[in-house]
Amino acid sequence: MSTSTYPIAARRTQPGGIEPPPVHVAVIMDGNGRWAAARHLPRIAGHREGARAVRRTIEAAIRQGVEWLTIYAFSSENWRRPADEVLDLTGLLRQYLRTEIAELKASGVRLRFIGDRCRFDNGIQSDLRDAERHTTHNSRLNLTIALSYGARAEIVEAARAAAAAIRDGLLDPAKFDEQVFAGFLATAEMPDPDLIIRTSGERRLSNFLLWQAAYAELVFLDVLWPDFKAEHFAAALTEFARRERRFGARPG
């Protein structure tokens, strides 16, 4: 990891009448394997460099005044990868949790995790709980990491929980609407993303925040994730500022 520290101050408003940043930015980090292959390096080298890009992105989000940042670190489908790569990824996750938490806490970053954490070993599950507990009172940046996450599975689990609540008399089906359903999702305490960035030139959501992305602006960048820098983050925010968000209404 870089020896630089996370920014201490976040800019919530922009000077000179510039549009404020999106409240919530989500990122699909793609391209670690291709980055490594292009350099004739093992895939783990791309993942390690990708972890450095995570740090740069957190720094950029804080400087830009973004309040919520969600990153897609490990999908539920990633468990299908070769066992040695999964082992490398989980080892890198353990290392990240144990080396970055103190600095995240000192910088005012609150850390959350969404996804099926039960698939990780007990040691990593304990590290995840510790990271959330140690940063729970921070509010400068809300950082959510999607681990062993799949949006379809999240929606199915929410539907099961809602059905159980109706069955047990805890929820009136006549009052069951989109807002109530959203309260059963893993992201219930979070605002929906305003902007979703995907790197590596791919143009799809890949089972990421499907419900929450209903009105998100999508920005696809050709840069591979390990090469993602603050200027790429800023460019995506600039593109977001150009867009007119109508949420289904006619323009004024």
C-alpha atoms as a PDB file:
ATOM      1  CA  MET A   1       0.000   0.000   0.000  1.00  0.00           C
ATOM      2  CA  SER A   2       1.007   3.597  -0.537  1.00  0.00           C
ATOM      3  CA  THR A   3       2.523   5.396   2.438  1.00  0.00           C
ATOM      4  CA  SER A   4       0.290   8.427   1.853  1.00  0.00           C
ATOM      5  CA  THR A   5      -2.499   9.124   4.321  1.00  0.00           C
ATOM      6  CA  TYR A   6      -6.153   9.584   3.576  1.00  0.00           C
ATOM      7  CA  PRO A   7      -7.253  13.244   3.338  1.00  0.00           C
ATOM      8  CA  ILE A   8      -8.386  14.690   6.634  1.00  0.00           C
ATOM      9  CA  ALA A   9     -10.946  17.163   5.296  1.00  0.00           C
ATOM     10  CA  ALA A  10     -13.825  16.440   2.961  1.00  0.00           C
ATOM     11  CA  ARG A  11     -15.264  19.188   0.770  1.00  0.00           C
ATOM     12  CA  ARG A  12     -19.060  18.944   0.989  1.00  0.00           C
ATOM     13  CA  THR A  13     -19.757  21.889  -1.287  1.00  0.00           C
ATOM     14  CA  GLN A  14     -17.994  22.969  -4.446  1.00  0.00           C
ATOM     15  CA  PRO A  15     -16.621  26.504  -4.927  1.00  0.00           C
ATOM     16  CA  GLY A  16     -17.546  28.867  -7.723  1.00  0.00           C
ATOM     17  CA  GLY A  17     -21.095  27.648  -8.214  1.00  0.00           C
ATOM     18  CA  ILE A  18     -20.010  24.218  -9.471  1.00  0.00           C
ATOM     19  CA  GLU A  19     -22.590  21.471  -9.077  1.00  0.00           C
ATOM     20  CA  PRO A  20     -22.145  19.470  -5.866  1.00  0.00           C
ATOM     21  CA  PRO A  21     -20.814  15.930  -6.219  1.00  0.00           C
ATOM     22  CA  PRO A  22     -23.111  12.908  -6.227  1.00  0.00           C
ATOM     23  CA  VAL A  23     -24.001  11.806  -2.711  1.00  0.00           C
ATOM     24  CA  HIS A  24     -23.347   8.141  -3.429  1.00  0.00           C
ATOM     25  CA  VAL A  25     -20.869   6.753  -5.946  1.00  0.00           C
ATOM     26  CA  ALA A  26     -20.586   3.011  -6.584  1.00  0.00           C
ATOM     27  CA  VAL A  27     -17.696   1.423  -8.457  1.00  0.00           C
ATOM     28  CA  ILE A  28     -17.410  -1.874 -10.323  1.00  0.00           C
ATOM     29  CA  MET A  29     -13.678  -2.516 -10.193  1.00  0.00           C
ATOM     30  CA  ASP A  30     -12.807  -4.494 -13.310  1.00  0.00           C
ATOM     31  CA  GLY A  31      -9.609  -5.296 -15.156  1.00  0.00           C
ATOM     32  CA  ASN A  32      -7.130  -6.619 -12.580  1.00  0.00           C
ATOM     33  CA  GLY A  33      -6.537  -9.858 -14.493  1.00  0.00           C
ATOM     34  CA  ARG A  34      -6.088  -8.137 -17.850  1.00  0.00           C
ATOM     35  CA  TRP A  35      -3.711  -5.610 -16.289  1.00  0.00           C
ATOM     36  CA  ALA A  36      -1.538  -8.436 -14.965  1.00  0.00           C
ATOM     37  CA  ALA A  37      -1.720 -10.458 -18.196  1.00  0.00           C
ATOM     38  CA  ALA A  38      -0.609  -7.467 -20.272  1.00  0.00           C
ATOM     39  CA  ARG A  39       2.521  -7.297 -18.105  1.00  0.00           C
ATOM     40  CA  HIS A  40       3.108 -11.075 -18.037  1.00  0.00           C
ATOM     41  CA  LEU A  41       2.513 -11.079 -14.276  1.00  0.00           C
ATOM     42  CA  PRO A  42       0.473 -13.487 -12.143  1.00  0.00           C
ATOM     43  CA  ARG A  43      -3.147 -12.436 -11.553  1.00  0.00           C
ATOM     44  CA  ILE A  44      -2.463 -11.739  -7.876  1.00  0.00           C
ATOM     45  CA  ALA A  45      -0.169  -8.888  -8.977  1.00  0.00           C
ATOM     46  CA  GLY A  46      -3.169  -7.257 -10.643  1.00  0.00           C
ATOM     47  CA  HIS A  47      -5.256  -7.727  -7.520  1.00  0.00           C
ATOM     48  CA  ARG A  48      -2.530  -6.179  -5.353  1.00  0.00           C
ATOM     49  CA  GLU A  49      -2.288  -3.192  -7.673  1.00  0.00           C
ATOM     50  CA  GLY A  50      -6.081  -3.012  -7.629  1.00  0.00           C
ATOM     51  CA  ALA A  51      -5.969  -2.686  -3.834  1.00  0.00           C
ATOM     52  CA  ARG A  52      -3.771   0.388  -4.279  1.00  0.00           C
ATOM     53  CA  ALA A  53      -6.371   1.797  -6.650  1.00  0.00           C
ATOM     54  CA  VAL A  54      -8.965   1.326  -3.892  1.00  0.00           C
ATOM     55  CA  ARG A  55      -6.893   3.561  -1.633  1.00  0.00           C
ATOM     56  CA  ARG A  56      -6.600   6.215  -4.356  1.00  0.00           C
ATOM     57  CA  THR A  57     -10.349   6.081  -4.918  1.00  0.00           C
ATOM     58  CA  ILE A  58     -11.119   6.531  -1.224  1.00  0.00           C
ATOM     59  CA  GLU A  59      -8.773   9.513  -1.150  1.00  0.00           C
ATOM     60  CA  ALA A  60     -10.429  10.984  -4.245  1.00  0.00           C
ATOM     61  CA  ALA A  61     -13.935  10.485  -2.850  1.00  0.00           C
ATOM     62  CA  ILE A  62     -13.019  12.291   0.359  1.00  0.00           C
ATOM     63  CA  ARG A  63     -11.418  15.189  -1.522  1.00  0.00           C
ATOM     64  CA  GLN A  64     -14.414  15.527  -3.826  1.00  0.00           C
ATOM     65  CA  GLY A  65     -16.875  15.587  -0.933  1.00  0.00           C
ATOM     66  CA  VAL A  66     -18.637  12.331  -1.804  1.00  0.00           C
ATOM     67  CA  GLU A  67     -20.467  11.045   1.267  1.00  0.00           C
ATOM     68  CA  TRP A  68     -21.063   7.410   0.266  1.00  0.00           C
ATOM     69  CA  LEU A  69     -18.729   5.143  -1.708  1.00  0.00           C
ATOM     70  CA  THR A  70     -19.546   1.524  -2.509  1.00  0.00           C
ATOM     71  CA  ILE A  71     -17.043  -0.768  -4.210  1.00  0.00           C
ATOM     72  CA  TYR A  72     -17.696  -4.178  -5.761  1.00  0.00           C
ATOM     73  CA  ALA A  73     -14.733  -6.158  -4.470  1.00  0.00           C
ATOM     74  CA  PHE A  74     -15.790  -9.814  -4.701  1.00  0.00           C
ATOM     75  CA  SER A  75     -18.940 -11.094  -6.346  1.00  0.00           C
ATOM     76  CA  SER A  76     -20.849 -14.238  -5.450  1.00  0.00           C
ATOM     77  CA  GLU A  77     -19.782 -15.579  -8.865  1.00  0.00           C
ATOM     78  CA  ASN A  78     -16.099 -15.066  -8.019  1.00  0.00           C
ATOM     79  CA  TRP A  79     -16.214 -18.198  -5.872  1.00  0.00           C
ATOM     80  CA  ARG A  80     -16.253 -20.131  -9.168  1.00  0.00           C
ATOM     81  CA  ARG A  81     -12.728 -18.999  -9.998  1.00  0.00           C
ATOM     82  CA  PRO A  82      -9.788 -21.411  -9.588  1.00  0.00           C
ATOM     83  CA  ALA A  83      -9.159 -22.298  -5.948  1.00  0.00           C
ATOM     84  CA  ASP A  84      -5.681 -20.759  -5.909  1.00  0.00           C
ATOM     85  CA  GLU A  85      -6.997 -17.408  -7.145  1.00  0.00           C
ATOM     86  CA  VAL A  86      -9.802 -17.421  -4.562  1.00  0.00           C
ATOM     87  CA  LEU A  87      -7.199 -18.161  -1.887  1.00  0.00           C
ATOM     88  CA  ASP A  88      -5.066 -15.258  -3.120  1.00  0.00           C
ATOM     89  CA  LEU A  89      -8.074 -12.917  -3.095  1.00  0.00           C
ATOM     90  CA  THR A  90      -9.180 -13.856   0.400  1.00  0.00           C
ATOM     91  CA  GLY A  91      -5.602 -13.542   1.643  1.00  0.00           C
ATOM     92  CA  LEU A  92      -5.384 -10.075   0.136  1.00  0.00           C
ATOM     93  CA  LEU A  93      -8.688  -9.178   1.799  1.00  0.00           C
ATOM     94  CA  ARG A  94      -7.354 -10.300   5.175  1.00  0.00           C
ATOM     95  CA  GLN A  95      -4.191  -8.260   4.676  1.00  0.00           C
ATOM     96  CA  TYR A  96      -6.198  -5.179   3.649  1.00  0.00           C
ATOM     97  CA  LEU A  97      -8.442  -5.394   6.696  1.00  0.00           C
ATOM     98  CA  ARG A  98      -5.531  -5.687   9.077  1.00  0.00           C
ATOM     99  CA  THR A  99      -3.365  -2.935   7.558  1.00  0.00           C
ATOM    100  CA  GLU A 100      -5.880  -0.268   6.551  1.00  0.00           C
ATOM    101  CA  ILE A 101      -8.460  -0.146   9.336  1.00  0.00           C
ATOM    102  CA  ALA A 102      -6.492   2.085  11.701  1.00  0.00           C
ATOM    103  CA  GLU A 103      -5.966   4.685   8.991  1.00  0.00           C
ATOM    104  CA  LEU A 104      -9.560   4.495   7.785  1.00  0.00           C
ATOM    105  CA  LYS A 105     -10.730   5.030  11.347  1.00  0.00           C
ATOM    106  CA  ALA A 106      -8.379   7.990  11.873  1.00  0.00           C
ATOM    107  CA  SER A 107      -9.588   9.551   8.613  1.00  0.00           C
ATOM    108  CA  GLY A 108     -13.260   9.411   9.604  1.00  0.00           C
ATOM    109  CA  VAL A 109     -14.230   6.582   7.248  1.00  0.00           C
ATOM    110  CA  ARG A 110     -17.055   4.292   8.320  1.00  0.00           C
ATOM    111  CA  LEU A 111     -16.766   0.799   6.881  1.00  0.00           C
ATOM    112  CA  ARG A 112     -19.649  -1.538   6.077  1.00  0.00           C
ATOM    113  CA  PHE A 113     -19.824  -4.859   4.241  1.00  0.00           C
ATOM    114  CA  ILE A 114     -22.702  -6.296   2.233  1.00  0.00           C
ATOM    115  CA  GLY A 115     -22.943  -9.804   0.835  1.00  0.00           C
ATOM    116  CA  ASP A 116     -22.866 -13.370   2.077  1.00  0.00           C
ATOM    117  CA  ARG A 117     -19.984 -13.135   4.516  1.00  0.00           C
ATOM    118  CA  CYS A 118     -20.765 -16.625   5.865  1.00  0.00           C
ATOM    119  CA  ARG A 119     -18.859 -18.101   2.924  1.00  0.00           C
ATOM    120  CA  PHE A 120     -15.595 -16.697   4.297  1.00  0.00           C
ATOM    121  CA  ASP A 121     -13.642 -18.463   7.014  1.00  0.00           C
ATOM    122  CA  ASN A 122     -14.183 -17.574  10.665  1.00  0.00           C
ATOM    123  CA  GLY A 123     -11.041 -15.456  10.822  1.00  0.00           C
ATOM    124  CA  ILE A 124     -12.115 -13.169   7.983  1.00  0.00           C
ATOM    125  CA  GLN A 125     -15.651 -12.957   9.363  1.00  0.00           C
ATOM    126  CA  SER A 126     -14.180 -11.798  12.678  1.00  0.00           C
ATOM    127  CA  ASP A 127     -12.022  -9.219  10.875  1.00  0.00           C
ATOM    128  CA  LEU A 128     -15.096  -7.896   9.055  1.00  0.00           C
ATOM    129  CA  ARG A 129     -17.005  -7.482  12.317  1.00  0.00           C
ATOM    130  CA  ASP A 130     -14.030  -5.764  13.956  1.00  0.00           C
ATOM    131  CA  ALA A 131     -13.648  -3.347  11.038  1.00  0.00           C
ATOM    132  CA  GLU A 132     -17.312  -2.353  11.222  1.00  0.00           C
ATOM    133  CA  ARG A 133     -17.221  -1.985  14.997  1.00  0.00           C
ATOM    134  CA  HIS A 134     -14.039   0.098  15.099  1.00  0.00           C
ATOM    135  CA  THR A 135     -15.306   2.586  12.496  1.00  0.00           C
ATOM    136  CA  THR A 136     -18.991   2.696  13.420  1.00  0.00           C
ATOM    137  CA  HIS A 137     -18.952   6.267  14.757  1.00  0.00           C
ATOM    138  CA  ASN A 138     -17.217   7.786  11.722  1.00  0.00           C
ATOM    139  CA  SER A 139     -19.146   9.888   9.220  1.00  0.00           C
ATOM    140  CA  ARG A 140     -16.717  11.663   6.873  1.00  0.00           C
ATOM    141  CA  LEU A 141     -17.103   8.935   4.236  1.00  0.00           C
ATOM    142  CA  ASN A 142     -19.378   5.912   4.350  1.00  0.00           C
ATOM    143  CA  LEU A 143     -17.426   3.153   2.604  1.00  0.00           C
ATOM    144  CA  THR A 144     -19.328  -0.016   1.731  1.00  0.00           C
ATOM    145  CA  ILE A 145     -17.480  -3.024   0.361  1.00  0.00           C
ATOM    146  CA  ALA A 146     -19.543  -5.645  -1.472  1.00  0.00           C
ATOM    147  CA  LEU A 147     -18.043  -9.054  -0.695  1.00  0.00           C
ATOM    148  CA  SER A 148     -19.463 -12.381  -1.853  1.00  0.00           C
ATOM    149  CA  TYR A 149     -22.266 -10.174  -3.124  1.00  0.00           C
ATOM    150  CA  GLY A 150     -24.852 -10.792  -5.819  1.00  0.00           C
ATOM    151  CA  ALA A 151     -27.830  -8.505  -6.397  1.00  0.00           C
ATOM    152  CA  ARG A 152     -30.221 -11.268  -7.438  1.00  0.00           C
ATOM    153  CA  ALA A 153     -29.455 -13.228  -4.273  1.00  0.00           C
ATOM    154  CA  GLU A 154     -29.913 -10.042  -2.240  1.00  0.00           C
ATOM    155  CA  ILE A 155     -33.354  -9.449  -3.789  1.00  0.00           C
ATOM    156  CA  VAL A 156     -34.418 -13.061  -3.229  1.00  0.00           C
ATOM    157  CA  GLU A 157     -33.322 -12.912   0.409  1.00  0.00           C
ATOM    158  CA  ALA A 158     -35.214  -9.643   0.877  1.00  0.00           C
ATOM    159  CA  ALA A 159     -38.329 -11.208  -0.652  1.00  0.00           C
ATOM    160  CA  ARG A 160     -38.065 -14.148   1.738  1.00  0.00           C
ATOM    161  CA  ALA A 161     -37.714 -11.819   4.729  1.00  0.00           C
ATOM    162  CA  ALA A 162     -40.680  -9.730   3.600  1.00  0.00           C
ATOM    163  CA  ALA A 163     -42.807 -12.849   3.081  1.00  0.00           C
ATOM    164  CA  ALA A 164     -41.902 -14.079   6.555  1.00  0.00           C
ATOM    165  CA  ALA A 165     -42.848 -10.715   8.058  1.00  0.00           C
ATOM    166  CA  ILE A 166     -46.238 -10.866   6.329  1.00  0.00           C
ATOM    167  CA  ARG A 167     -46.739 -14.475   7.406  1.00  0.00           C
ATOM    168  CA  ASP A 168     -45.938 -13.626  11.034  1.00  0.00           C
ATOM    169  CA  GLY A 169     -48.300 -10.650  11.065  1.00  0.00           C
ATOM    170  CA  LEU A 170     -45.500  -8.108  11.353  1.00  0.00           C
ATOM    171  CA  LEU A 171     -46.225  -6.488   7.991  1.00  0.00           C
ATOM    172  CA  ASP A 172     -49.541  -5.515   6.473  1.00  0.00           C
ATOM    173  CA  PRO A 173     -49.495  -6.677   2.825  1.00  0.00           C
ATOM    174  CA  ALA A 174     -51.728  -3.729   1.909  1.00  0.00           C
ATOM    175  CA  LYS A 175     -48.894  -1.413   2.960  1.00  0.00           C
ATOM    176  CA  PHE A 176     -46.178  -3.352   1.179  1.00  0.00           C
ATOM    177  CA  ASP A 177     -44.635  -1.081  -1.467  1.00  0.00           C
ATOM    178  CA  GLU A 178     -41.234  -0.350  -3.003  1.00  0.00           C
ATOM    179  CA  GLN A 179     -40.073   1.694  -0.043  1.00  0.00           C
ATOM    180  CA  VAL A 180     -41.011  -1.028   2.421  1.00  0.00           C
ATOM    181  CA  PHE A 181     -39.341  -3.690   0.277  1.00  0.00           C
ATOM    182  CA  ALA A 182     -36.143  -1.637   0.082  1.00  0.00           C
ATOM    183  CA  GLY A 183     -36.002  -1.791   3.856  1.00  0.00           C
ATOM    184  CA  PHE A 184     -35.350  -5.535   3.621  1.00  0.00           C
ATOM    185  CA  LEU A 185     -32.318  -5.120   1.342  1.00  0.00           C
ATOM    186  CA  ALA A 186     -28.729  -5.163   2.575  1.00  0.00           C
ATOM    187  CA  THR A 187     -28.513  -1.480   1.674  1.00  0.00           C
ATOM    188  CA  ALA A 188     -31.558  -0.450   3.739  1.00  0.00           C
ATOM    189  CA  GLU A 189     -29.651   2.258   5.625  1.00  0.00           C
ATOM    190  CA  MET A 190     -27.960   3.639   2.509  1.00  0.00           C
ATOM    191  CA  PRO A 191     -29.090   6.073  -0.192  1.00  0.00           C
ATOM    192  CA  ASP A 192     -29.344   4.615  -3.685  1.00  0.00           C
ATOM    193  CA  PRO A 193     -26.266   5.281  -5.831  1.00  0.00           C
ATOM    194  CA  ASP A 194     -26.392   8.428  -7.926  1.00  0.00           C
ATOM    195  CA  LEU A 195     -23.472   7.324 -10.083  1.00  0.00           C
ATOM    196  CA  ILE A 196     -22.070   3.903 -10.944  1.00  0.00           C
ATOM    197  CA  ILE A 197     -18.606   3.761 -12.501  1.00  0.00           C
ATOM    198  CA  ARG A 198     -17.293   0.655 -14.247  1.00  0.00           C
ATOM    199  CA  THR A 199     -13.716   0.317 -15.425  1.00  0.00           C
ATOM    200  CA  SER A 200     -12.037  -1.815 -18.132  1.00  0.00           C
ATOM    201  CA  GLY A 201     -14.392  -0.912 -20.975  1.00  0.00           C
ATOM    202  CA  GLU A 202     -17.097  -3.447 -20.098  1.00  0.00           C
ATOM    203  CA  ARG A 203     -20.637  -2.069 -20.205  1.00  0.00           C
ATOM    204  CA  ARG A 204     -22.815  -4.049 -17.844  1.00  0.00           C
ATOM    205  CA  LEU A 205     -23.757  -4.117 -14.149  1.00  0.00           C
ATOM    206  CA  SER A 206     -22.731  -7.742 -13.554  1.00  0.00           C
ATOM    207  CA  ASN A 207     -25.311  -8.424 -10.837  1.00  0.00           C
ATOM    208  CA  PHE A 208     -24.360  -5.324  -8.811  1.00  0.00           C
ATOM    209  CA  LEU A 209     -26.989  -3.232  -6.974  1.00  0.00           C
ATOM    210  CA  LEU A 210     -29.682  -4.066  -9.531  1.00  0.00           C
ATOM    211  CA  TRP A 211     -32.586  -2.738  -7.447  1.00  0.00           C
ATOM    212  CA  GLN A 212     -30.676   0.293  -6.183  1.00  0.00           C
ATOM    213  CA  ALA A 213     -29.356   1.246  -9.638  1.00  0.00           C
ATOM    214  CA  ALA A 214     -32.813   1.957 -11.080  1.00  0.00           C
ATOM    215  CA  TYR A 215     -32.068   5.669 -11.590  1.00  0.00           C
ATOM    216  CA  ALA A 216     -28.292   5.730 -11.266  1.00  0.00           C
ATOM    217  CA  GLU A 217     -26.209   7.407 -13.932  1.00  0.00           C
ATOM    218  CA  LEU A 218     -23.764   4.948 -15.500  1.00  0.00           C
ATOM    219  CA  VAL A 219     -20.256   5.901 -16.586  1.00  0.00           C
ATOM    220  CA  PHE A 220     -18.059   3.322 -18.333  1.00  0.00           C
ATOM    221  CA  LEU A 221     -14.330   3.964 -18.540  1.00  0.00           C
ATOM    222  CA  ASP A 222     -11.783   2.153 -20.700  1.00  0.00           C
ATOM    223  CA  VAL A 223      -9.072   2.300 -18.019  1.00  0.00           C
ATOM    224  CA  LEU A 224      -8.220  -0.971 -16.256  1.00  0.00           C
ATOM    225  CA  TRP A 225      -8.888  -0.841 -12.531  1.00  0.00           C
ATOM    226  CA  PRO A 226      -5.226  -0.968 -11.347  1.00  0.00           C
ATOM    227  CA  ASP A 227      -4.587   2.171 -13.439  1.00  0.00           C
ATOM    228  CA  PHE A 228      -7.598   4.034 -11.998  1.00  0.00           C
ATOM    229  CA  LYS A 229      -6.520   7.347 -10.477  1.00  0.00           C
ATOM    230  CA  ALA A 230      -8.005  10.478  -8.965  1.00  0.00           C
ATOM    231  CA  GLU A 231      -8.291  12.107 -12.395  1.00  0.00           C
ATOM    232  CA  HIS A 232     -10.464   9.241 -13.640  1.00  0.00           C
ATOM    233  CA  PHE A 233     -12.726   9.616 -10.623  1.00  0.00           C
ATOM    234  CA  ALA A 234     -12.936  13.367 -11.232  1.00  0.00           C
ATOM    235  CA  ALA A 235     -13.731  12.811 -14.921  1.00  0.00           C
ATOM    236  CA  ALA A 236     -16.618  10.510 -13.997  1.00  0.00           C
ATOM    237  CA  LEU A 237     -17.989  13.136 -11.610  1.00  0.00           C
ATOM    238  CA  THR A 238     -17.688  15.759 -14.341  1.00  0.00           C
ATOM    239  CA  GLU A 239     -19.668  13.542 -16.701  1.00  0.00           C
ATOM    240  CA  PHE A 240     -22.281  13.030 -13.977  1.00  0.00           C
ATOM    241  CA  ALA A 241     -22.621  16.810 -13.559  1.00  0.00           C
ATOM    242  CA  ARG A 242     -23.410  17.175 -17.287  1.00  0.00           C
ATOM    243  CA  ARG A 243     -26.380  14.838 -17.103  1.00  0.00           C
ATOM    244  CA  GLU A 244     -29.960  15.911 -16.510  1.00  0.00           C
ATOM    245  CA  ARG A 245     -31.581  13.569 -14.019  1.00  0.00           C
ATOM    246  CA  ARG A 246     -35.372  13.515 -14.457  1.00  0.00           C
ATOM    247  CA  PHE A 247     -36.293  10.243 -12.682  1.00  0.00           C
ATOM    248  CA  GLY A 248     -38.924   9.521 -15.302  1.00  0.00           C
ATOM    249  CA  ALA A 249     -40.422  13.028 -15.362  1.00  0.00           C
ATOM    250  CA  ARG A 250     -40.532  15.327 -18.376  1.00  0.00           C
ATOM    251  CA  PRO A 251     -37.824  17.996 -18.579  1.00  0.00           C
ATOM    252  CA  GLY A 252     -38.778  21.359 -17.133  1.00  0.00           C
END
